[in-house]
């Protein structure tokens, strides 16, 4: 009994940190602060990864810019089209925006 209480007490701060990180991510993505993430907000936020990887700023991630240094080149448009598909998978209620709960669930 004591071991399980101790484990619970150790787990609570970790769970709180994870929840705070998820809430911080949601707030960072919610550019207009309306408490939900639109497709445009999702794509804009998630496109930052593309911009960081695109070292020569030509709008194409070449093989040497891709993680691991291999793979098929991808354009910004293709990247964002993939993000839009991912957004619609996450939007399980099909209401055109993501709630914090939807954002934190793995896509189906």
PDB file of N, CA and C in Angstrom:
ATOM      1  N   UNK A   1       0.829  -1.193   0.000  1.00  0.00           N
ATOM      2  CA  UNK A   1       0.000   0.000   0.000  1.00  0.00           C
ATOM      3  C   UNK A   1       0.870   1.253   0.000  1.00  0.00           C
ATOM      4  N   UNK A   2       1.884   1.289   0.885  1.00  0.00           N
ATOM      5  CA  UNK A   2       2.757   2.457   0.949  1.00  0.00           C
ATOM      6  C   UNK A   2       3.516   2.659  -0.352  1.00  0.00           C
ATOM      7  N   UNK A   3       3.936   1.575  -0.982  1.00  0.00           N
ATOM      8  CA  UNK A   3       4.676   1.680  -2.244  1.00  0.00           C
ATOM      9  C   UNK A   3       3.804   2.306  -3.322  1.00  0.00           C
ATOM     10  N   UNK A   4       2.536   1.920  -3.384  1.00  0.00           N
ATOM     11  CA  UNK A   4       1.669   2.481  -4.414  1.00  0.00           C
ATOM     12  C   UNK A   4       1.359   3.952  -4.141  1.00  0.00           C
ATOM     13  N   UNK A   5       1.255   4.351  -2.878  1.00  0.00           N
ATOM     14  CA  UNK A   5       1.044   5.759  -2.541  1.00  0.00           C
ATOM     15  C   UNK A   5       2.281   6.563  -2.917  1.00  0.00           C
ATOM     16  N   UNK A   6       3.448   6.025  -2.615  1.00  0.00           N
ATOM     17  CA  UNK A   6       4.693   6.706  -2.966  1.00  0.00           C
ATOM     18  C   UNK A   6       4.813   6.857  -4.479  1.00  0.00           C
ATOM     19  N   UNK A   7       4.463   5.808  -5.213  1.00  0.00           N
ATOM     20  CA  UNK A   7       4.516   5.876  -6.668  1.00  0.00           C
ATOM     21  C   UNK A   7       3.553   6.934  -7.190  1.00  0.00           C
ATOM     22  N   UNK A   8       2.372   7.006  -6.613  1.00  0.00           N
ATOM     23  CA  UNK A   8       1.393   8.004  -7.018  1.00  0.00           C
ATOM     24  C   UNK A   8       1.912   9.408  -6.737  1.00  0.00           C
ATOM     25  N   UNK A   9       2.500   9.614  -5.575  1.00  0.00           N
ATOM     26  CA  UNK A   9       3.025  10.927  -5.229  1.00  0.00           C
ATOM     27  C   UNK A   9       4.167  11.339  -6.156  1.00  0.00           C
ATOM     28  N   UNK A  10       4.956  10.389  -6.592  1.00  0.00           N
ATOM     29  CA  UNK A  10       6.034  10.693  -7.538  1.00  0.00           C
ATOM     30  C   UNK A  10       5.472  10.986  -8.927  1.00  0.00           C
ATOM     31  N   UNK A  11       4.398  10.304  -9.306  1.00  0.00           N
ATOM     32  CA  UNK A  11       3.825  10.454 -10.631  1.00  0.00           C
ATOM     33  C   UNK A  11       3.081  11.777 -10.788  1.00  0.00           C
ATOM     34  N   UNK A  12       2.437  12.281  -9.740  1.00  0.00           N
ATOM     35  CA  UNK A  12       1.621  13.490  -9.834  1.00  0.00           C
ATOM     36  C   UNK A  12       2.376  14.696 -10.389  1.00  0.00           C
ATOM     37  N   UNK A  13       3.595  15.004  -9.891  1.00  0.00           N
ATOM     38  CA  UNK A  13       4.307  16.145 -10.470  1.00  0.00           C
ATOM     39  C   UNK A  13       4.646  15.942 -11.952  1.00  0.00           C
ATOM     40  N   UNK A  14       4.976  14.722 -12.329  1.00  0.00           N
ATOM     41  CA  UNK A  14       5.276  14.435 -13.739  1.00  0.00           C
ATOM     42  C   UNK A  14       4.029  14.654 -14.593  1.00  0.00           C
ATOM     43  N   UNK A  15       2.897  14.184 -14.128  1.00  0.00           N
ATOM     44  CA  UNK A  15       1.644  14.364 -14.867  1.00  0.00           C
ATOM     45  C   UNK A  15       1.297  15.844 -14.972  1.00  0.00           C
ATOM     46  N   UNK A  16       1.517  16.592 -13.904  1.00  0.00           N
ATOM     47  CA  UNK A  16       1.228  18.029 -13.929  1.00  0.00           C
ATOM     48  C   UNK A  16       2.138  18.745 -14.922  1.00  0.00           C
ATOM     49  N   UNK A  17       3.406  18.370 -14.962  1.00  0.00           N
ATOM     50  CA  UNK A  17       4.333  18.971 -15.921  1.00  0.00           C
ATOM     51  C   UNK A  17       3.916  18.665 -17.356  1.00  0.00           C
ATOM     52  N   UNK A  18       3.531  17.429 -17.602  1.00  0.00           N
ATOM     53  CA  UNK A  18       3.091  17.041 -18.949  1.00  0.00           C
ATOM     54  C   UNK A  18       1.848  17.828 -19.351  1.00  0.00           C
ATOM     55  N   UNK A  19       0.910  17.956 -18.425  1.00  0.00           N
ATOM     56  CA  UNK A  19      -0.314  18.696 -18.719  1.00  0.00           C
ATOM     57  C   UNK A  19      -0.002  20.168 -18.961  1.00  0.00           C
ATOM     58  N   UNK A  20       0.920  20.753 -18.175  1.00  0.00           N
ATOM     59  CA  UNK A  20       1.299  22.142 -18.384  1.00  0.00           C
ATOM     60  C   UNK A  20       1.972  22.327 -19.740  1.00  0.00           C
ATOM     61  N   UNK A  21       2.802  21.365 -20.144  1.00  0.00           N
ATOM     62  CA  UNK A  21       3.458  21.435 -21.449  1.00  0.00           C
ATOM     63  C   UNK A  21       2.428  21.362 -22.568  1.00  0.00           C
ATOM     64  N   UNK A  22       1.446  20.474 -22.428  1.00  0.00           N
ATOM     65  CA  UNK A  22       0.395  20.366 -23.437  1.00  0.00           C
ATOM     66  C   UNK A  22      -0.415  21.652 -23.507  1.00  0.00           C
ATOM     67  N   UNK A  23      -0.741  22.238 -22.363  1.00  0.00           N
ATOM     68  CA  UNK A  23      -1.495  23.489 -22.342  1.00  0.00           C
ATOM     69  C   UNK A  23      -0.677  24.619 -22.962  1.00  0.00           C
ATOM     70  N   UNK A  24       0.632  24.639 -22.696  1.00  0.00           N
ATOM     71  CA  UNK A  24       1.497  25.673 -23.274  1.00  0.00           C
ATOM     72  C   UNK A  24       1.550  25.531 -24.793  1.00  0.00           C
ATOM     73  N   UNK A  25       1.634  24.300 -25.287  1.00  0.00           N
ATOM     74  CA  UNK A  25       1.635  24.068 -26.729  1.00  0.00           C
ATOM     75  C   UNK A  25       0.323  24.551 -27.331  1.00  0.00           C
ATOM     76  N   UNK A  26      -0.788  24.217 -26.696  1.00  0.00           N
ATOM     77  CA  UNK A  26      -2.094  24.640 -27.201  1.00  0.00           C
ATOM     78  C   UNK A  26      -2.168  26.168 -27.261  1.00  0.00           C
ATOM     79  N   UNK A  27      -1.739  26.843 -26.204  1.00  0.00           N
ATOM     80  CA  UNK A  27      -1.778  28.310 -26.176  1.00  0.00           C
ATOM     81  C   UNK A  27      -0.865  28.905 -27.254  1.00  0.00           C
ATOM     82  N   UNK A  28       0.287  28.275 -27.481  1.00  0.00           N
ATOM     83  CA  UNK A  28       1.212  28.774 -28.507  1.00  0.00           C
ATOM     84  C   UNK A  28       0.597  28.639 -29.905  1.00  0.00           C
ATOM     85  N   UNK A  29      -0.141  27.579 -30.137  1.00  0.00           N
ATOM     86  CA  UNK A  29      -0.760  27.357 -31.444  1.00  0.00           C
ATOM     87  C   UNK A  29      -1.994  28.234 -31.645  1.00  0.00           C
ATOM     88  N   UNK A  30      -2.666  28.588 -30.554  1.00  0.00           N
ATOM     89  CA  UNK A  30      -3.905  29.378 -30.606  1.00  0.00           C
ATOM     90  C   UNK A  30      -3.544  30.862 -30.750  1.00  0.00           C
ATOM     91  N   UNK A  31      -3.172  31.254 -31.968  1.00  0.00           N
ATOM     92  CA  UNK A  31      -2.643  32.601 -32.224  1.00  0.00           C
ATOM     93  C   UNK A  31      -3.612  33.717 -31.842  1.00  0.00           C
ATOM     94  N   UNK A  32      -4.911  33.523 -32.042  1.00  0.00           N
ATOM     95  CA  UNK A  32      -5.870  34.583 -31.734  1.00  0.00           C
ATOM     96  C   UNK A  32      -6.475  34.456 -30.334  1.00  0.00           C
ATOM     97  N   UNK A  33      -6.089  33.430 -29.592  1.00  0.00           N
ATOM     98  CA  UNK A  33      -6.516  33.288 -28.202  1.00  0.00           C
ATOM     99  C   UNK A  33      -7.987  32.984 -27.998  1.00  0.00           C
ATOM    100  N   UNK A  34      -8.645  32.362 -28.994  1.00  0.00           N
ATOM    101  CA  UNK A  34     -10.073  32.087 -28.852  1.00  0.00           C
ATOM    102  C   UNK A  34     -10.389  30.736 -28.211  1.00  0.00           C
ATOM    103  N   UNK A  35      -9.347  30.028 -27.774  1.00  0.00           N
ATOM    104  CA  UNK A  35      -9.566  28.759 -27.088  1.00  0.00           C
ATOM    105  C   UNK A  35      -9.748  27.568 -28.006  1.00  0.00           C
ATOM    106  N   UNK A  36      -9.465  27.758 -29.280  1.00  0.00           N
ATOM    107  CA  UNK A  36      -9.527  26.651 -30.232  1.00  0.00           C
ATOM    108  C   UNK A  36      -8.518  26.933 -31.343  1.00  0.00           C
ATOM    109  N   UNK A  37      -8.112  25.880 -32.022  1.00  0.00           N
ATOM    110  CA  UNK A  37      -7.094  26.007 -33.054  1.00  0.00           C
ATOM    111  C   UNK A  37      -7.729  25.756 -34.410  1.00  0.00           C
ATOM    112  N   UNK A  38      -7.671  26.758 -35.254  1.00  0.00           N
ATOM    113  CA  UNK A  38      -8.197  26.618 -36.616  1.00  0.00           C
ATOM    114  C   UNK A  38      -7.184  25.880 -37.479  1.00  0.00           C
ATOM    115  N   UNK A  39      -7.626  25.462 -38.641  1.00  0.00           N
ATOM    116  CA  UNK A  39      -6.713  24.812 -39.583  1.00  0.00           C
ATOM    117  C   UNK A  39      -5.558  25.745 -39.924  1.00  0.00           C
ATOM    118  N   UNK A  40      -5.860  27.026 -40.162  1.00  0.00           N
ATOM    119  CA  UNK A  40      -4.818  27.992 -40.517  1.00  0.00           C
ATOM    120  C   UNK A  40      -3.798  28.145 -39.383  1.00  0.00           C
ATOM    121  N   UNK A  41      -4.265  28.198 -38.131  1.00  0.00           N
ATOM    122  CA  UNK A  41      -3.345  28.304 -36.991  1.00  0.00           C
ATOM    123  C   UNK A  41      -2.476  27.057 -36.884  1.00  0.00           C
ATOM    124  N   UNK A  42      -3.083  25.896 -37.072  1.00  0.00           N
ATOM    125  CA  UNK A  42      -2.354  24.630 -36.990  1.00  0.00           C
ATOM    126  C   UNK A  42      -1.268  24.571 -38.064  1.00  0.00           C
ATOM    127  N   UNK A  43      -1.633  24.888 -39.292  1.00  0.00           N
ATOM    128  CA  UNK A  43      -0.681  24.828 -40.398  1.00  0.00           C
ATOM    129  C   UNK A  43       0.439  25.852 -40.194  1.00  0.00           C
ATOM    130  N   UNK A  44       0.092  27.065 -39.778  1.00  0.00           N
ATOM    131  CA  UNK A  44       1.109  28.101 -39.570  1.00  0.00           C
ATOM    132  C   UNK A  44       2.105  27.679 -38.491  1.00  0.00           C
ATOM    133  N   UNK A  45       1.595  27.179 -37.379  1.00  0.00           N
ATOM    134  CA  UNK A  45       2.487  26.780 -36.276  1.00  0.00           C
ATOM    135  C   UNK A  45       3.357  25.592 -36.677  1.00  0.00           C
ATOM    136  N   UNK A  46       2.744  24.584 -37.259  1.00  0.00           N
ATOM    137  CA  UNK A  46       3.476  23.369 -37.603  1.00  0.00           C
ATOM    138  C   UNK A  46       4.415  23.573 -38.791  1.00  0.00           C
ATOM    139  N   UNK A  47       4.214  24.609 -39.585  1.00  0.00           N
ATOM    140  CA  UNK A  47       5.106  24.898 -40.701  1.00  0.00           C
ATOM    141  C   UNK A  47       6.445  25.453 -40.223  1.00  0.00           C
ATOM    142  N   UNK A  48       6.509  25.889 -38.991  1.00  0.00           N
ATOM    143  CA  UNK A  48       7.777  26.397 -38.454  1.00  0.00           C
ATOM    144  C   UNK A  48       8.879  25.337 -38.539  1.00  0.00           C
ATOM    145  N   UNK A  49       8.507  24.084 -38.400  1.00  0.00           N
ATOM    146  CA  UNK A  49       9.477  23.000 -38.526  1.00  0.00           C
ATOM    147  C   UNK A  49      10.092  22.958 -39.919  1.00  0.00           C
ATOM    148  N   UNK A  50       9.271  23.166 -40.938  1.00  0.00           N
ATOM    149  CA  UNK A  50       9.764  23.201 -42.311  1.00  0.00           C
ATOM    150  C   UNK A  50      10.766  24.334 -42.474  1.00  0.00           C
ATOM    151  N   UNK A  51      10.379  25.521 -42.003  1.00  0.00           N
ATOM    152  CA  UNK A  51      11.239  26.694 -42.164  1.00  0.00           C
ATOM    153  C   UNK A  51      12.590  26.502 -41.470  1.00  0.00           C
ATOM    154  N   UNK A  52      12.586  25.846 -40.312  1.00  0.00           N
ATOM    155  CA  UNK A  52      13.851  25.597 -39.600  1.00  0.00           C
ATOM    156  C   UNK A  52      14.733  24.617 -40.372  1.00  0.00           C
ATOM    157  N   UNK A  53      14.129  23.624 -41.005  1.00  0.00           N
ATOM    158  CA  UNK A  53      14.902  22.626 -41.745  1.00  0.00           C
ATOM    159  C   UNK A  53      15.396  23.143 -43.102  1.00  0.00           C
ATOM    160  N   UNK A  54      14.669  24.069 -43.700  1.00  0.00           N
ATOM    161  CA  UNK A  54      14.988  24.578 -45.034  1.00  0.00           C
ATOM    162  C   UNK A  54      16.134  25.597 -44.945  1.00  0.00           C
ATOM    163  N   UNK A  55      17.350  25.074 -44.806  1.00  0.00           N
ATOM    164  CA  UNK A  55      18.521  25.924 -44.557  1.00  0.00           C
ATOM    165  C   UNK A  55      18.807  26.912 -45.685  1.00  0.00           C
ATOM    166  N   UNK A  56      18.556  26.526 -46.923  1.00  0.00           N
ATOM    167  CA  UNK A  56      18.844  27.442 -48.027  1.00  0.00           C
ATOM    168  C   UNK A  56      17.621  28.279 -48.432  1.00  0.00           C
ATOM    169  N   UNK A  57      16.508  28.106 -47.735  1.00  0.00           N
ATOM    170  CA  UNK A  57      15.287  28.912 -47.898  1.00  0.00           C
ATOM    171  C   UNK A  57      14.758  28.914 -49.337  1.00  0.00           C
ATOM    172  N   UNK A  58      14.815  27.742 -49.986  1.00  0.00           N
ATOM    173  CA  UNK A  58      14.302  27.659 -51.350  1.00  0.00           C
ATOM    174  C   UNK A  58      12.898  27.071 -51.433  1.00  0.00           C
ATOM    175  N   UNK A  59      12.288  26.761 -50.273  1.00  0.00           N
ATOM    176  CA  UNK A  59      10.933  26.217 -50.260  1.00  0.00           C
ATOM    177  C   UNK A  59      10.858  24.732 -50.544  1.00  0.00           C
ATOM    178  N   UNK A  60      12.006  24.080 -50.559  1.00  0.00           N
ATOM    179  CA  UNK A  60      12.063  22.632 -50.783  1.00  0.00           C
ATOM    180  C   UNK A  60      13.025  22.035 -49.773  1.00  0.00           C
ATOM    181  N   UNK A  61      12.578  20.993 -49.086  1.00  0.00           N
ATOM    182  CA  UNK A  61      13.489  20.263 -48.214  1.00  0.00           C
ATOM    183  C   UNK A  61      14.161  19.192 -49.063  1.00  0.00           C
ATOM    184  N   UNK A  62      15.432  19.427 -49.344  1.00  0.00           N
ATOM    185  CA  UNK A  62      16.223  18.471 -50.120  1.00  0.00           C
ATOM    186  C   UNK A  62      16.688  17.352 -49.190  1.00  0.00           C
ATOM    187  N   UNK A  63      17.237  16.319 -49.776  1.00  0.00           N
ATOM    188  CA  UNK A  63      17.660  15.148 -49.014  1.00  0.00           C
ATOM    189  C   UNK A  63      18.587  15.516 -47.861  1.00  0.00           C
ATOM    190  N   UNK A  64      19.543  16.402 -48.081  1.00  0.00           N
ATOM    191  CA  UNK A  64      20.497  16.760 -47.025  1.00  0.00           C
ATOM    192  C   UNK A  64      19.875  17.630 -45.932  1.00  0.00           C
ATOM    193  N   UNK A  65      18.672  18.181 -46.158  1.00  0.00           N
ATOM    194  CA  UNK A  65      17.982  18.978 -45.151  1.00  0.00           C
ATOM    195  C   UNK A  65      16.984  18.152 -44.339  1.00  0.00           C
ATOM    196  N   UNK A  66      16.681  16.970 -44.814  1.00  0.00           N
ATOM    197  CA  UNK A  66      15.719  16.101 -44.144  1.00  0.00           C
ATOM    198  C   UNK A  66      16.359  15.412 -42.950  1.00  0.00           C
ATOM    199  N   UNK A  67      15.583  15.151 -41.900  1.00  0.00           N
ATOM    200  CA  UNK A  67      16.124  14.410 -40.752  1.00  0.00           C
ATOM    201  C   UNK A  67      16.704  13.070 -41.207  1.00  0.00           C
ATOM    202  N   UNK A  68      17.908  12.797 -40.786  1.00  0.00           N
ATOM    203  CA  UNK A  68      18.573  11.561 -41.171  1.00  0.00           C
ATOM    204  C   UNK A  68      19.308  11.663 -42.493  1.00  0.00           C
ATOM    205  N   UNK A  69      19.100  12.780 -43.220  1.00  0.00           N
ATOM    206  CA  UNK A  69      19.802  12.992 -44.467  1.00  0.00           C
ATOM    207  C   UNK A  69      19.353  12.128 -45.629  1.00  0.00           C
ATOM    208  N   UNK A  70      18.155  11.560 -45.526  1.00  0.00           N
ATOM    209  CA  UNK A  70      17.657  10.759 -46.651  1.00  0.00           C
ATOM    210  C   UNK A  70      16.152  10.900 -46.758  1.00  0.00           C
ATOM    211  N   UNK A  71      15.651  10.570 -47.901  1.00  0.00           N
ATOM    212  CA  UNK A  71      14.226  10.672 -48.167  1.00  0.00           C
ATOM    213  C   UNK A  71      13.988  11.480 -49.422  1.00  0.00           C
ATOM    214  N   UNK A  72      12.743  11.509 -49.841  1.00  0.00           N
ATOM    215  CA  UNK A  72      12.343  12.221 -51.047  1.00  0.00           C
ATOM    216  C   UNK A  72      12.189  13.710 -50.727  1.00  0.00           C
ATOM    217  N   UNK A  73      12.686  14.601 -51.585  1.00  0.00           N
ATOM    218  CA  UNK A  73      12.491  16.040 -51.352  1.00  0.00           C
ATOM    219  C   UNK A  73      11.004  16.361 -51.215  1.00  0.00           C
ATOM    220  N   UNK A  74      10.703  17.375 -50.402  1.00  0.00           N
ATOM    221  CA  UNK A  74       9.317  17.780 -50.185  1.00  0.00           C
ATOM    222  C   UNK A  74       9.230  19.305 -50.241  1.00  0.00           C
ATOM    223  N   UNK A  75       8.223  19.798 -50.932  1.00  0.00           N
ATOM    224  CA  UNK A  75       8.015  21.241 -51.033  1.00  0.00           C
ATOM    225  C   UNK A  75       7.206  21.729 -49.826  1.00  0.00           C
ATOM    226  N   UNK A  76       7.226  23.030 -49.624  1.00  0.00           N
ATOM    227  CA  UNK A  76       6.419  23.615 -48.553  1.00  0.00           C
ATOM    228  C   UNK A  76       4.946  23.292 -48.777  1.00  0.00           C
ATOM    229  N   UNK A  77       4.484  23.352 -50.013  1.00  0.00           N
ATOM    230  CA  UNK A  77       3.074  23.056 -50.314  1.00  0.00           C
ATOM    231  C   UNK A  77       2.720  21.625 -49.930  1.00  0.00           C
ATOM    232  N   UNK A  78       3.595  20.676 -50.283  1.00  0.00           N
ATOM    233  CA  UNK A  78       3.354  19.274 -49.926  1.00  0.00           C
ATOM    234  C   UNK A  78       3.343  19.103 -48.413  1.00  0.00           C
ATOM    235  N   UNK A  79       4.278  19.753 -47.720  1.00  0.00           N
ATOM    236  CA  UNK A  79       4.364  19.710 -46.261  1.00  0.00           C
ATOM    237  C   UNK A  79       3.047  20.199 -45.666  1.00  0.00           C
ATOM    238  N   UNK A  80       2.564  21.356 -46.157  1.00  0.00           N
ATOM    239  CA  UNK A  80       1.346  21.941 -45.610  1.00  0.00           C
ATOM    240  C   UNK A  80       0.108  21.125 -45.981  1.00  0.00           C
ATOM    241  N   UNK A  81       0.099  20.509 -47.154  1.00  0.00           N
ATOM    242  CA  UNK A  81      -1.014  19.616 -47.505  1.00  0.00           C
ATOM    243  C   UNK A  81      -1.073  18.439 -46.532  1.00  0.00           C
ATOM    244  N   UNK A  82       0.089  17.909 -46.163  1.00  0.00           N
ATOM    245  CA  UNK A  82       0.139  16.826 -45.168  1.00  0.00           C
ATOM    246  C   UNK A  82      -0.384  17.313 -43.822  1.00  0.00           C
ATOM    247  N   UNK A  83      -0.029  18.531 -43.446  1.00  0.00           N
ATOM    248  CA  UNK A  83      -0.520  19.091 -42.185  1.00  0.00           C
ATOM    249  C   UNK A  83      -2.038  19.241 -42.200  1.00  0.00           C
ATOM    250  N   UNK A  84      -2.587  19.654 -43.321  1.00  0.00           N
ATOM    251  CA  UNK A  84      -4.051  19.801 -43.422  1.00  0.00           C
ATOM    252  C   UNK A  84      -4.750  18.446 -43.269  1.00  0.00           C
ATOM    253  N   UNK A  85      -4.172  17.418 -43.892  1.00  0.00           N
ATOM    254  CA  UNK A  85      -4.747  16.069 -43.726  1.00  0.00           C
ATOM    255  C   UNK A  85      -4.678  15.634 -42.261  1.00  0.00           C
ATOM    256  N   UNK A  86      -3.543  15.905 -41.621  1.00  0.00           N
ATOM    257  CA  UNK A  86      -3.386  15.561 -40.206  1.00  0.00           C
ATOM    258  C   UNK A  86      -4.395  16.323 -39.338  1.00  0.00           C
ATOM    259  N   UNK A  87      -4.593  17.617 -39.635  1.00  0.00           N
ATOM    260  CA  UNK A  87      -5.568  18.432 -38.901  1.00  0.00           C
ATOM    261  C   UNK A  87      -6.949  17.785 -38.956  1.00  0.00           C
ATOM    262  N   UNK A  88      -7.361  17.363 -40.148  1.00  0.00           N
ATOM    263  CA  UNK A  88      -8.708  16.778 -40.299  1.00  0.00           C
ATOM    264  C   UNK A  88      -8.829  15.426 -39.605  1.00  0.00           C
ATOM    265  N   UNK A  89      -7.731  14.705 -39.486  1.00  0.00           N
ATOM    266  CA  UNK A  89      -7.761  13.461 -38.706  1.00  0.00           C
ATOM    267  C   UNK A  89      -7.904  13.769 -37.219  1.00  0.00           C
ATOM    268  N   UNK A  90      -7.253  14.821 -36.758  1.00  0.00           N
ATOM    269  CA  UNK A  90      -7.340  15.199 -35.349  1.00  0.00           C
ATOM    270  C   UNK A  90      -8.703  15.787 -34.997  1.00  0.00           C
ATOM    271  N   UNK A  91      -9.342  16.453 -35.944  1.00  0.00           N
ATOM    272  CA  UNK A  91     -10.644  17.098 -35.724  1.00  0.00           C
ATOM    273  C   UNK A  91     -11.740  16.038 -35.740  1.00  0.00           C
ATOM    274  N   UNK A  92     -11.778  15.255 -34.683  1.00  0.00           N
ATOM    275  CA  UNK A  92     -12.697  14.109 -34.624  1.00  0.00           C
ATOM    276  C   UNK A  92     -14.163  14.500 -34.612  1.00  0.00           C
ATOM    277  N   UNK A  93     -14.459  15.712 -34.127  1.00  0.00           N
ATOM    278  CA  UNK A  93     -15.857  16.152 -34.097  1.00  0.00           C
ATOM    279  C   UNK A  93     -16.258  16.852 -35.395  1.00  0.00           C
ATOM    280  N   UNK A  94     -15.312  17.046 -36.300  1.00  0.00           N
ATOM    281  CA  UNK A  94     -15.548  17.653 -37.609  1.00  0.00           C
ATOM    282  C   UNK A  94     -16.226  19.017 -37.503  1.00  0.00           C
ATOM    283  N   UNK A  95     -15.749  19.826 -36.533  1.00  0.00           N
ATOM    284  CA  UNK A  95     -16.321  21.153 -36.368  1.00  0.00           C
ATOM    285  C   UNK A  95     -15.401  22.249 -36.919  1.00  0.00           C
ATOM    286  N   UNK A  96     -14.280  21.858 -37.526  1.00  0.00           N
ATOM    287  CA  UNK A  96     -13.410  22.824 -38.188  1.00  0.00           C
ATOM    288  C   UNK A  96     -12.362  23.465 -37.307  1.00  0.00           C
ATOM    289  N   UNK A  97     -12.237  22.998 -36.092  1.00  0.00           N
ATOM    290  CA  UNK A  97     -11.195  23.490 -35.189  1.00  0.00           C
ATOM    291  C   UNK A  97     -10.807  22.377 -34.238  1.00  0.00           C
ATOM    292  N   UNK A  98      -9.674  22.568 -33.569  1.00  0.00           N
ATOM    293  CA  UNK A  98      -9.216  21.576 -32.599  1.00  0.00           C
ATOM    294  C   UNK A  98      -9.376  22.115 -31.188  1.00  0.00           C
ATOM    295  N   UNK A  99      -9.889  21.260 -30.329  1.00  0.00           N
ATOM    296  CA  UNK A  99      -9.895  21.552 -28.906  1.00  0.00           C
ATOM    297  C   UNK A  99      -8.554  21.061 -28.342  1.00  0.00           C
ATOM    298  N   UNK A 100      -8.266  21.407 -27.117  1.00  0.00           N
ATOM    299  CA  UNK A 100      -7.027  20.939 -26.504  1.00  0.00           C
ATOM    300  C   UNK A 100      -7.005  19.416 -26.430  1.00  0.00           C
ATOM    301  N   UNK A 101      -8.148  18.810 -26.131  1.00  0.00           N
ATOM    302  CA  UNK A 101      -8.207  17.349 -26.051  1.00  0.00           C
ATOM    303  C   UNK A 101      -7.942  16.698 -27.413  1.00  0.00           C
ATOM    304  N   UNK A 102      -8.512  17.269 -28.471  1.00  0.00           N
ATOM    305  CA  UNK A 102      -8.285  16.721 -29.804  1.00  0.00           C
ATOM    306  C   UNK A 102      -6.808  16.858 -30.208  1.00  0.00           C
ATOM    307  N   UNK A 103      -6.224  17.990 -29.891  1.00  0.00           N
ATOM    308  CA  UNK A 103      -4.832  18.220 -30.262  1.00  0.00           C
ATOM    309  C   UNK A 103      -3.906  17.205 -29.607  1.00  0.00           C
ATOM    310  N   UNK A 104      -4.198  16.823 -28.389  1.00  0.00           N
ATOM    311  CA  UNK A 104      -3.310  15.952 -27.635  1.00  0.00           C
ATOM    312  C   UNK A 104      -3.531  14.458 -27.913  1.00  0.00           C
ATOM    313  N   UNK A 105      -4.578  14.114 -28.645  1.00  0.00           N
ATOM    314  CA  UNK A 105      -4.829  12.721 -28.980  1.00  0.00           C
ATOM    315  C   UNK A 105      -4.024  12.347 -30.216  1.00  0.00           C
ATOM    316  N   UNK A 106      -3.514  11.126 -30.275  1.00  0.00           N
ATOM    317  CA  UNK A 106      -2.812  10.710 -31.499  1.00  0.00           C
ATOM    318  C   UNK A 106      -3.781  10.625 -32.666  1.00  0.00           C
ATOM    319  N   UNK A 107      -3.336  10.998 -33.882  1.00  0.00           N
ATOM    320  CA  UNK A 107      -4.235  10.909 -35.043  1.00  0.00           C
ATOM    321  C   UNK A 107      -4.636   9.450 -35.312  1.00  0.00           C
ATOM    322  N   UNK A 108      -5.829   9.281 -35.849  1.00  0.00           N
ATOM    323  CA  UNK A 108      -6.315   7.938 -36.171  1.00  0.00           C
ATOM    324  C   UNK A 108      -6.159   7.664 -37.641  1.00  0.00           C
TER     325      UNK A 108
END
